[in-house]
């Protein structure tokens, strides 16, 4: 199992315990220019009352970091899923914890 986490999102990743108390925060490990993304384009697929109806078309992931021994990269769920199609298994997405108003408190684990 990996021994090191790297935050490749533009946000701090805040870990909370079962009571929602912050136990750890990871700041981003890359600049905005290095952030992994998934390319996206739009195409018009129809219209509704004269307004165009668009569909997003997702493409390849870009800016994926090179694999590092014993390291897992925290990325968005979209990047994680796109990288999986390329055979990469070293990406996870935060599993969020919300309060009773639906606001994100932090994360308590990862989706792989």
N, C-alpha and C. Protein backbone atom coordinates (compact mmCIF):
# COMPACT_ATOMS: atom_id res chain seq x y z
N UNK A 1 0.84 -1.19 0.00
CA UNK A 1 0.00 0.00 0.00
C UNK A 1 0.87 1.24 0.00
N UNK A 2 0.38 2.28 -0.64
CA UNK A 2 1.14 3.53 -0.74
C UNK A 2 1.37 4.13 0.64
N UNK A 3 2.48 4.79 0.79
CA UNK A 3 2.82 5.40 2.07
C UNK A 3 2.72 6.91 2.05
N UNK A 4 2.52 7.50 0.87
CA UNK A 4 2.53 8.95 0.77
C UNK A 4 1.35 9.43 -0.07
N UNK A 5 0.71 10.50 0.40
CA UNK A 5 -0.37 11.16 -0.34
C UNK A 5 0.14 12.48 -0.88
N UNK A 6 -0.21 12.79 -2.13
CA UNK A 6 0.07 14.10 -2.71
C UNK A 6 -1.25 14.69 -3.19
N UNK A 7 -1.49 15.93 -2.80
CA UNK A 7 -2.72 16.62 -3.15
C UNK A 7 -2.55 17.33 -4.48
N UNK A 8 -3.16 16.78 -5.53
CA UNK A 8 -3.12 17.39 -6.86
C UNK A 8 -4.48 17.99 -7.21
N UNK A 9 -5.10 18.64 -6.22
CA UNK A 9 -6.30 19.44 -6.44
C UNK A 9 -5.93 20.89 -6.15
N UNK A 10 -6.77 21.85 -6.54
CA UNK A 10 -6.47 23.26 -6.24
C UNK A 10 -6.87 23.67 -4.82
N UNK A 11 -7.37 22.73 -4.01
CA UNK A 11 -7.91 23.03 -2.68
C UNK A 11 -7.16 22.29 -1.60
N UNK A 12 -7.20 22.83 -0.39
CA UNK A 12 -6.75 22.06 0.76
C UNK A 12 -7.67 20.86 0.91
N UNK A 13 -7.10 19.73 1.28
CA UNK A 13 -7.89 18.54 1.60
C UNK A 13 -7.91 18.43 3.11
N UNK A 14 -9.09 18.54 3.69
CA UNK A 14 -9.26 18.52 5.14
C UNK A 14 -9.84 17.18 5.55
N UNK A 15 -9.15 16.48 6.42
CA UNK A 15 -9.61 15.19 6.93
C UNK A 15 -10.34 15.43 8.25
N UNK A 16 -11.48 14.78 8.40
CA UNK A 16 -12.27 14.91 9.64
C UNK A 16 -12.50 13.52 10.22
N UNK A 17 -12.70 13.50 11.55
CA UNK A 17 -13.01 12.24 12.22
C UNK A 17 -14.52 12.02 12.20
N UNK A 18 -14.99 11.00 12.91
CA UNK A 18 -16.41 10.63 12.91
C UNK A 18 -17.32 11.74 13.44
N UNK A 19 -16.77 12.63 14.26
CA UNK A 19 -17.55 13.74 14.81
C UNK A 19 -17.45 15.00 13.96
N UNK A 20 -16.69 14.93 12.86
CA UNK A 20 -16.53 16.09 12.00
C UNK A 20 -15.42 17.04 12.44
N UNK A 21 -14.59 16.60 13.36
CA UNK A 21 -13.48 17.42 13.85
C UNK A 21 -12.29 17.26 12.91
N UNK A 22 -11.69 18.39 12.53
CA UNK A 22 -10.53 18.36 11.63
C UNK A 22 -9.35 17.71 12.32
N UNK A 23 -8.76 16.71 11.65
CA UNK A 23 -7.61 16.01 12.21
C UNK A 23 -6.34 16.21 11.38
N UNK A 24 -6.49 16.67 10.14
CA UNK A 24 -5.33 16.86 9.26
C UNK A 24 -5.76 17.67 8.05
N UNK A 25 -4.84 18.47 7.53
CA UNK A 25 -5.08 19.22 6.30
C UNK A 25 -3.88 19.06 5.39
N UNK A 26 -4.15 18.74 4.12
CA UNK A 26 -3.10 18.66 3.11
C UNK A 26 -3.26 19.82 2.14
N UNK A 27 -2.24 20.64 2.00
CA UNK A 27 -2.27 21.72 1.03
C UNK A 27 -1.92 21.17 -0.35
N UNK A 28 -2.24 21.87 -1.42
CA UNK A 28 -1.90 21.39 -2.76
C UNK A 28 -0.39 21.20 -2.94
N UNK A 29 -0.05 20.15 -3.66
CA UNK A 29 1.35 19.83 -3.96
C UNK A 29 1.76 20.23 -5.36
N UNK A 30 0.90 20.97 -6.06
CA UNK A 30 1.25 21.40 -7.41
C UNK A 30 0.63 22.78 -7.67
N UNK A 31 1.16 23.45 -8.68
CA UNK A 31 0.63 24.76 -9.06
C UNK A 31 -0.61 24.57 -9.93
N UNK A 32 -1.35 25.65 -10.14
CA UNK A 32 -2.53 25.57 -11.01
C UNK A 32 -2.17 25.12 -12.42
N UNK A 33 -0.98 25.48 -12.89
CA UNK A 33 -0.55 25.08 -14.24
C UNK A 33 -0.28 23.58 -14.32
N UNK A 34 0.00 22.93 -13.19
CA UNK A 34 0.32 21.51 -13.16
C UNK A 34 -0.89 20.63 -12.83
N UNK A 35 -2.03 21.24 -12.54
CA UNK A 35 -3.19 20.47 -12.11
C UNK A 35 -3.65 19.48 -13.18
N UNK A 36 -3.86 18.24 -12.81
CA UNK A 36 -4.46 17.29 -13.75
C UNK A 36 -5.89 17.72 -14.08
N UNK A 37 -6.23 17.62 -15.32
CA UNK A 37 -7.57 17.98 -15.80
C UNK A 37 -8.01 16.95 -16.83
N UNK A 38 -9.28 17.01 -17.17
CA UNK A 38 -9.82 16.23 -18.27
C UNK A 38 -10.29 17.22 -19.32
N UNK A 39 -9.85 17.01 -20.55
CA UNK A 39 -10.28 17.92 -21.61
C UNK A 39 -11.78 17.77 -21.81
N UNK A 40 -12.41 18.89 -22.17
CA UNK A 40 -13.86 18.87 -22.38
C UNK A 40 -14.20 19.83 -23.51
N UNK A 41 -15.12 19.41 -24.32
CA UNK A 41 -15.67 20.28 -25.36
C UNK A 41 -17.19 20.16 -25.29
N UNK A 42 -17.86 21.04 -26.00
CA UNK A 42 -19.32 21.02 -26.00
C UNK A 42 -19.83 20.91 -27.43
N UNK A 43 -20.96 20.25 -27.56
CA UNK A 43 -21.61 20.19 -28.86
C UNK A 43 -23.09 20.45 -28.66
N UNK A 44 -23.66 21.13 -29.63
CA UNK A 44 -25.10 21.42 -29.58
C UNK A 44 -25.85 20.17 -30.03
N UNK A 45 -26.80 19.74 -29.21
CA UNK A 45 -27.54 18.52 -29.52
C UNK A 45 -29.04 18.79 -29.71
N UNK A 46 -29.41 20.05 -29.66
CA UNK A 46 -30.81 20.41 -29.83
C UNK A 46 -31.07 21.80 -29.31
N UNK A 47 -32.34 22.07 -29.04
CA UNK A 47 -32.69 23.35 -28.45
C UNK A 47 -33.96 23.21 -27.64
N UNK A 48 -34.11 24.12 -26.69
CA UNK A 48 -35.30 24.17 -25.85
C UNK A 48 -35.80 25.62 -25.87
N UNK A 49 -36.99 25.81 -26.41
CA UNK A 49 -37.60 27.14 -26.54
C UNK A 49 -36.64 28.15 -27.17
N UNK A 50 -35.91 27.68 -28.18
CA UNK A 50 -35.01 28.56 -28.92
C UNK A 50 -33.61 28.68 -28.34
N UNK A 51 -33.37 28.08 -27.18
CA UNK A 51 -32.04 28.12 -26.57
C UNK A 51 -31.29 26.84 -26.88
N UNK A 52 -30.00 26.95 -27.20
CA UNK A 52 -29.25 25.74 -27.53
C UNK A 52 -29.11 24.81 -26.32
N UNK A 53 -29.18 23.53 -26.61
CA UNK A 53 -28.99 22.48 -25.61
C UNK A 53 -27.63 21.84 -25.90
N UNK A 54 -26.72 21.93 -24.92
CA UNK A 54 -25.35 21.45 -25.10
C UNK A 54 -25.14 20.12 -24.38
N UNK A 55 -24.21 19.36 -24.92
CA UNK A 55 -23.74 18.14 -24.26
C UNK A 55 -22.23 18.27 -24.11
N UNK A 56 -21.74 18.00 -22.92
CA UNK A 56 -20.29 18.02 -22.68
C UNK A 56 -19.70 16.70 -23.18
N UNK A 57 -18.57 16.82 -23.86
CA UNK A 57 -17.86 15.65 -24.36
C UNK A 57 -16.49 15.64 -23.66
N UNK A 58 -16.28 14.64 -22.81
CA UNK A 58 -15.05 14.56 -22.05
C UNK A 58 -14.01 13.76 -22.81
N UNK A 59 -12.78 14.25 -22.78
CA UNK A 59 -11.69 13.62 -23.52
C UNK A 59 -10.65 13.03 -22.59
N UNK A 60 -9.41 13.20 -22.98
CA UNK A 60 -8.28 12.61 -22.28
C UNK A 60 -7.88 13.43 -21.07
N UNK A 61 -7.32 12.78 -20.06
CA UNK A 61 -6.75 13.54 -18.96
C UNK A 61 -5.43 14.17 -19.41
N UNK A 62 -5.15 15.36 -18.89
CA UNK A 62 -3.90 16.05 -19.19
C UNK A 62 -3.21 16.42 -17.88
N UNK A 63 -1.92 16.64 -17.95
CA UNK A 63 -1.11 17.03 -16.79
C UNK A 63 -1.07 15.95 -15.70
N UNK A 64 -1.19 14.69 -16.08
CA UNK A 64 -1.07 13.65 -15.07
C UNK A 64 0.38 13.58 -14.60
N UNK A 65 0.59 13.54 -13.29
CA UNK A 65 1.96 13.40 -12.81
C UNK A 65 2.51 12.02 -13.15
N UNK A 66 3.81 11.93 -13.25
CA UNK A 66 4.44 10.63 -13.46
C UNK A 66 4.25 9.78 -12.20
N UNK A 67 4.10 8.48 -12.36
CA UNK A 67 3.98 7.63 -11.17
C UNK A 67 5.21 7.78 -10.27
N UNK A 68 4.97 7.71 -8.96
CA UNK A 68 6.04 7.74 -7.97
C UNK A 68 5.86 6.55 -7.04
N UNK A 69 6.94 5.90 -6.73
CA UNK A 69 6.88 4.73 -5.86
C UNK A 69 6.24 5.09 -4.52
N UNK A 70 5.35 4.24 -4.06
CA UNK A 70 4.67 4.38 -2.77
C UNK A 70 3.90 5.69 -2.63
N UNK A 71 3.38 6.22 -3.74
CA UNK A 71 2.67 7.51 -3.71
C UNK A 71 1.32 7.38 -4.39
N UNK A 72 0.32 8.00 -3.77
CA UNK A 72 -1.02 8.10 -4.36
C UNK A 72 -1.35 9.57 -4.49
N UNK A 73 -1.93 9.94 -5.62
CA UNK A 73 -2.28 11.33 -5.91
C UNK A 73 -3.76 11.54 -5.67
N UNK A 74 -4.10 12.58 -4.91
CA UNK A 74 -5.49 12.97 -4.70
C UNK A 74 -5.88 13.92 -5.83
N UNK A 75 -6.92 13.57 -6.57
CA UNK A 75 -7.38 14.35 -7.72
C UNK A 75 -8.91 14.40 -7.69
N UNK A 76 -9.49 15.09 -8.65
CA UNK A 76 -10.95 15.10 -8.78
C UNK A 76 -11.43 13.72 -9.21
N UNK A 77 -12.68 13.44 -8.95
CA UNK A 77 -13.27 12.16 -9.36
C UNK A 77 -13.21 11.99 -10.88
N UNK A 78 -13.43 13.07 -11.61
CA UNK A 78 -13.39 13.01 -13.07
C UNK A 78 -11.99 12.61 -13.57
N UNK A 79 -10.97 13.21 -13.01
CA UNK A 79 -9.58 12.87 -13.39
C UNK A 79 -9.29 11.42 -13.01
N UNK A 80 -9.69 11.03 -11.81
CA UNK A 80 -9.45 9.65 -11.36
C UNK A 80 -10.04 8.64 -12.34
N UNK A 81 -11.28 8.86 -12.74
CA UNK A 81 -11.95 7.93 -13.65
C UNK A 81 -11.30 7.92 -15.03
N UNK A 82 -10.90 9.09 -15.53
CA UNK A 82 -10.25 9.16 -16.85
C UNK A 82 -8.89 8.47 -16.81
N UNK A 83 -8.15 8.65 -15.71
CA UNK A 83 -6.83 8.02 -15.59
C UNK A 83 -6.95 6.51 -15.47
N UNK A 84 -8.03 6.05 -14.85
CA UNK A 84 -8.27 4.62 -14.72
C UNK A 84 -8.36 3.95 -16.10
N UNK A 85 -8.96 4.68 -17.06
CA UNK A 85 -9.07 4.14 -18.42
C UNK A 85 -7.71 3.98 -19.09
N UNK A 86 -6.71 4.69 -18.57
CA UNK A 86 -5.35 4.58 -19.08
C UNK A 86 -4.53 3.55 -18.30
N UNK A 87 -5.18 2.88 -17.34
CA UNK A 87 -4.50 1.87 -16.56
C UNK A 87 -3.81 2.39 -15.31
N UNK A 88 -4.02 3.66 -14.98
CA UNK A 88 -3.40 4.23 -13.79
C UNK A 88 -4.25 3.90 -12.58
N UNK A 89 -3.63 3.39 -11.55
CA UNK A 89 -4.34 3.04 -10.32
C UNK A 89 -3.81 3.82 -9.12
N UNK A 90 -3.01 4.84 -9.38
CA UNK A 90 -2.39 5.61 -8.29
C UNK A 90 -3.11 6.94 -8.04
N UNK A 91 -4.40 7.00 -8.38
CA UNK A 91 -5.19 8.20 -8.17
C UNK A 91 -6.41 7.86 -7.31
N UNK A 92 -6.73 8.77 -6.40
CA UNK A 92 -7.94 8.64 -5.58
C UNK A 92 -8.64 9.99 -5.54
N UNK A 93 -9.93 9.96 -5.20
CA UNK A 93 -10.71 11.18 -5.04
C UNK A 93 -11.23 11.23 -3.61
N UNK A 94 -11.29 12.43 -3.02
CA UNK A 94 -11.77 12.53 -1.64
C UNK A 94 -13.22 12.11 -1.49
N UNK A 95 -13.52 11.40 -0.42
CA UNK A 95 -14.90 11.04 -0.05
C UNK A 95 -15.33 12.06 0.98
N UNK A 96 -16.28 12.90 0.60
CA UNK A 96 -16.65 14.06 1.43
C UNK A 96 -17.62 13.71 2.54
N UNK A 97 -17.51 14.48 3.61
CA UNK A 97 -18.42 14.41 4.75
C UNK A 97 -19.16 15.74 4.79
N UNK A 98 -20.48 15.69 4.90
CA UNK A 98 -21.30 16.91 4.92
C UNK A 98 -22.05 17.03 6.24
N UNK A 99 -22.36 18.27 6.58
CA UNK A 99 -23.19 18.49 7.78
C UNK A 99 -24.66 18.38 7.40
N UNK A 100 -25.55 18.63 8.34
CA UNK A 100 -26.99 18.47 8.09
C UNK A 100 -27.54 19.50 7.12
N UNK A 101 -26.76 20.54 6.80
CA UNK A 101 -27.18 21.54 5.81
C UNK A 101 -26.59 21.26 4.43
N UNK A 102 -25.85 20.15 4.31
CA UNK A 102 -25.26 19.77 3.04
C UNK A 102 -23.91 20.41 2.77
N UNK A 103 -23.38 21.15 3.72
CA UNK A 103 -22.08 21.80 3.54
C UNK A 103 -20.97 20.80 3.79
N UNK A 104 -19.91 20.89 2.97
CA UNK A 104 -18.79 19.98 3.12
C UNK A 104 -17.97 20.36 4.34
N UNK A 105 -17.75 19.36 5.21
CA UNK A 105 -16.91 19.55 6.39
C UNK A 105 -15.46 19.14 6.09
N UNK A 106 -15.31 18.15 5.25
CA UNK A 106 -13.99 17.63 4.91
C UNK A 106 -14.15 16.25 4.28
N UNK A 107 -13.10 15.44 4.39
CA UNK A 107 -13.19 14.08 3.86
C UNK A 107 -12.78 13.11 4.94
N UNK A 108 -13.26 11.87 4.79
CA UNK A 108 -12.94 10.83 5.75
C UNK A 108 -12.37 9.59 5.08
N UNK A 109 -12.01 9.71 3.81
CA UNK A 109 -11.46 8.60 3.07
C UNK A 109 -11.42 8.94 1.59
N UNK A 110 -11.24 7.92 0.78
CA UNK A 110 -11.06 8.13 -0.65
C UNK A 110 -11.85 7.12 -1.46
N UNK A 111 -12.22 7.53 -2.67
CA UNK A 111 -12.76 6.62 -3.67
C UNK A 111 -11.62 6.29 -4.62
N UNK A 112 -11.51 5.00 -4.95
CA UNK A 112 -10.43 4.59 -5.86
C UNK A 112 -11.00 4.11 -7.18
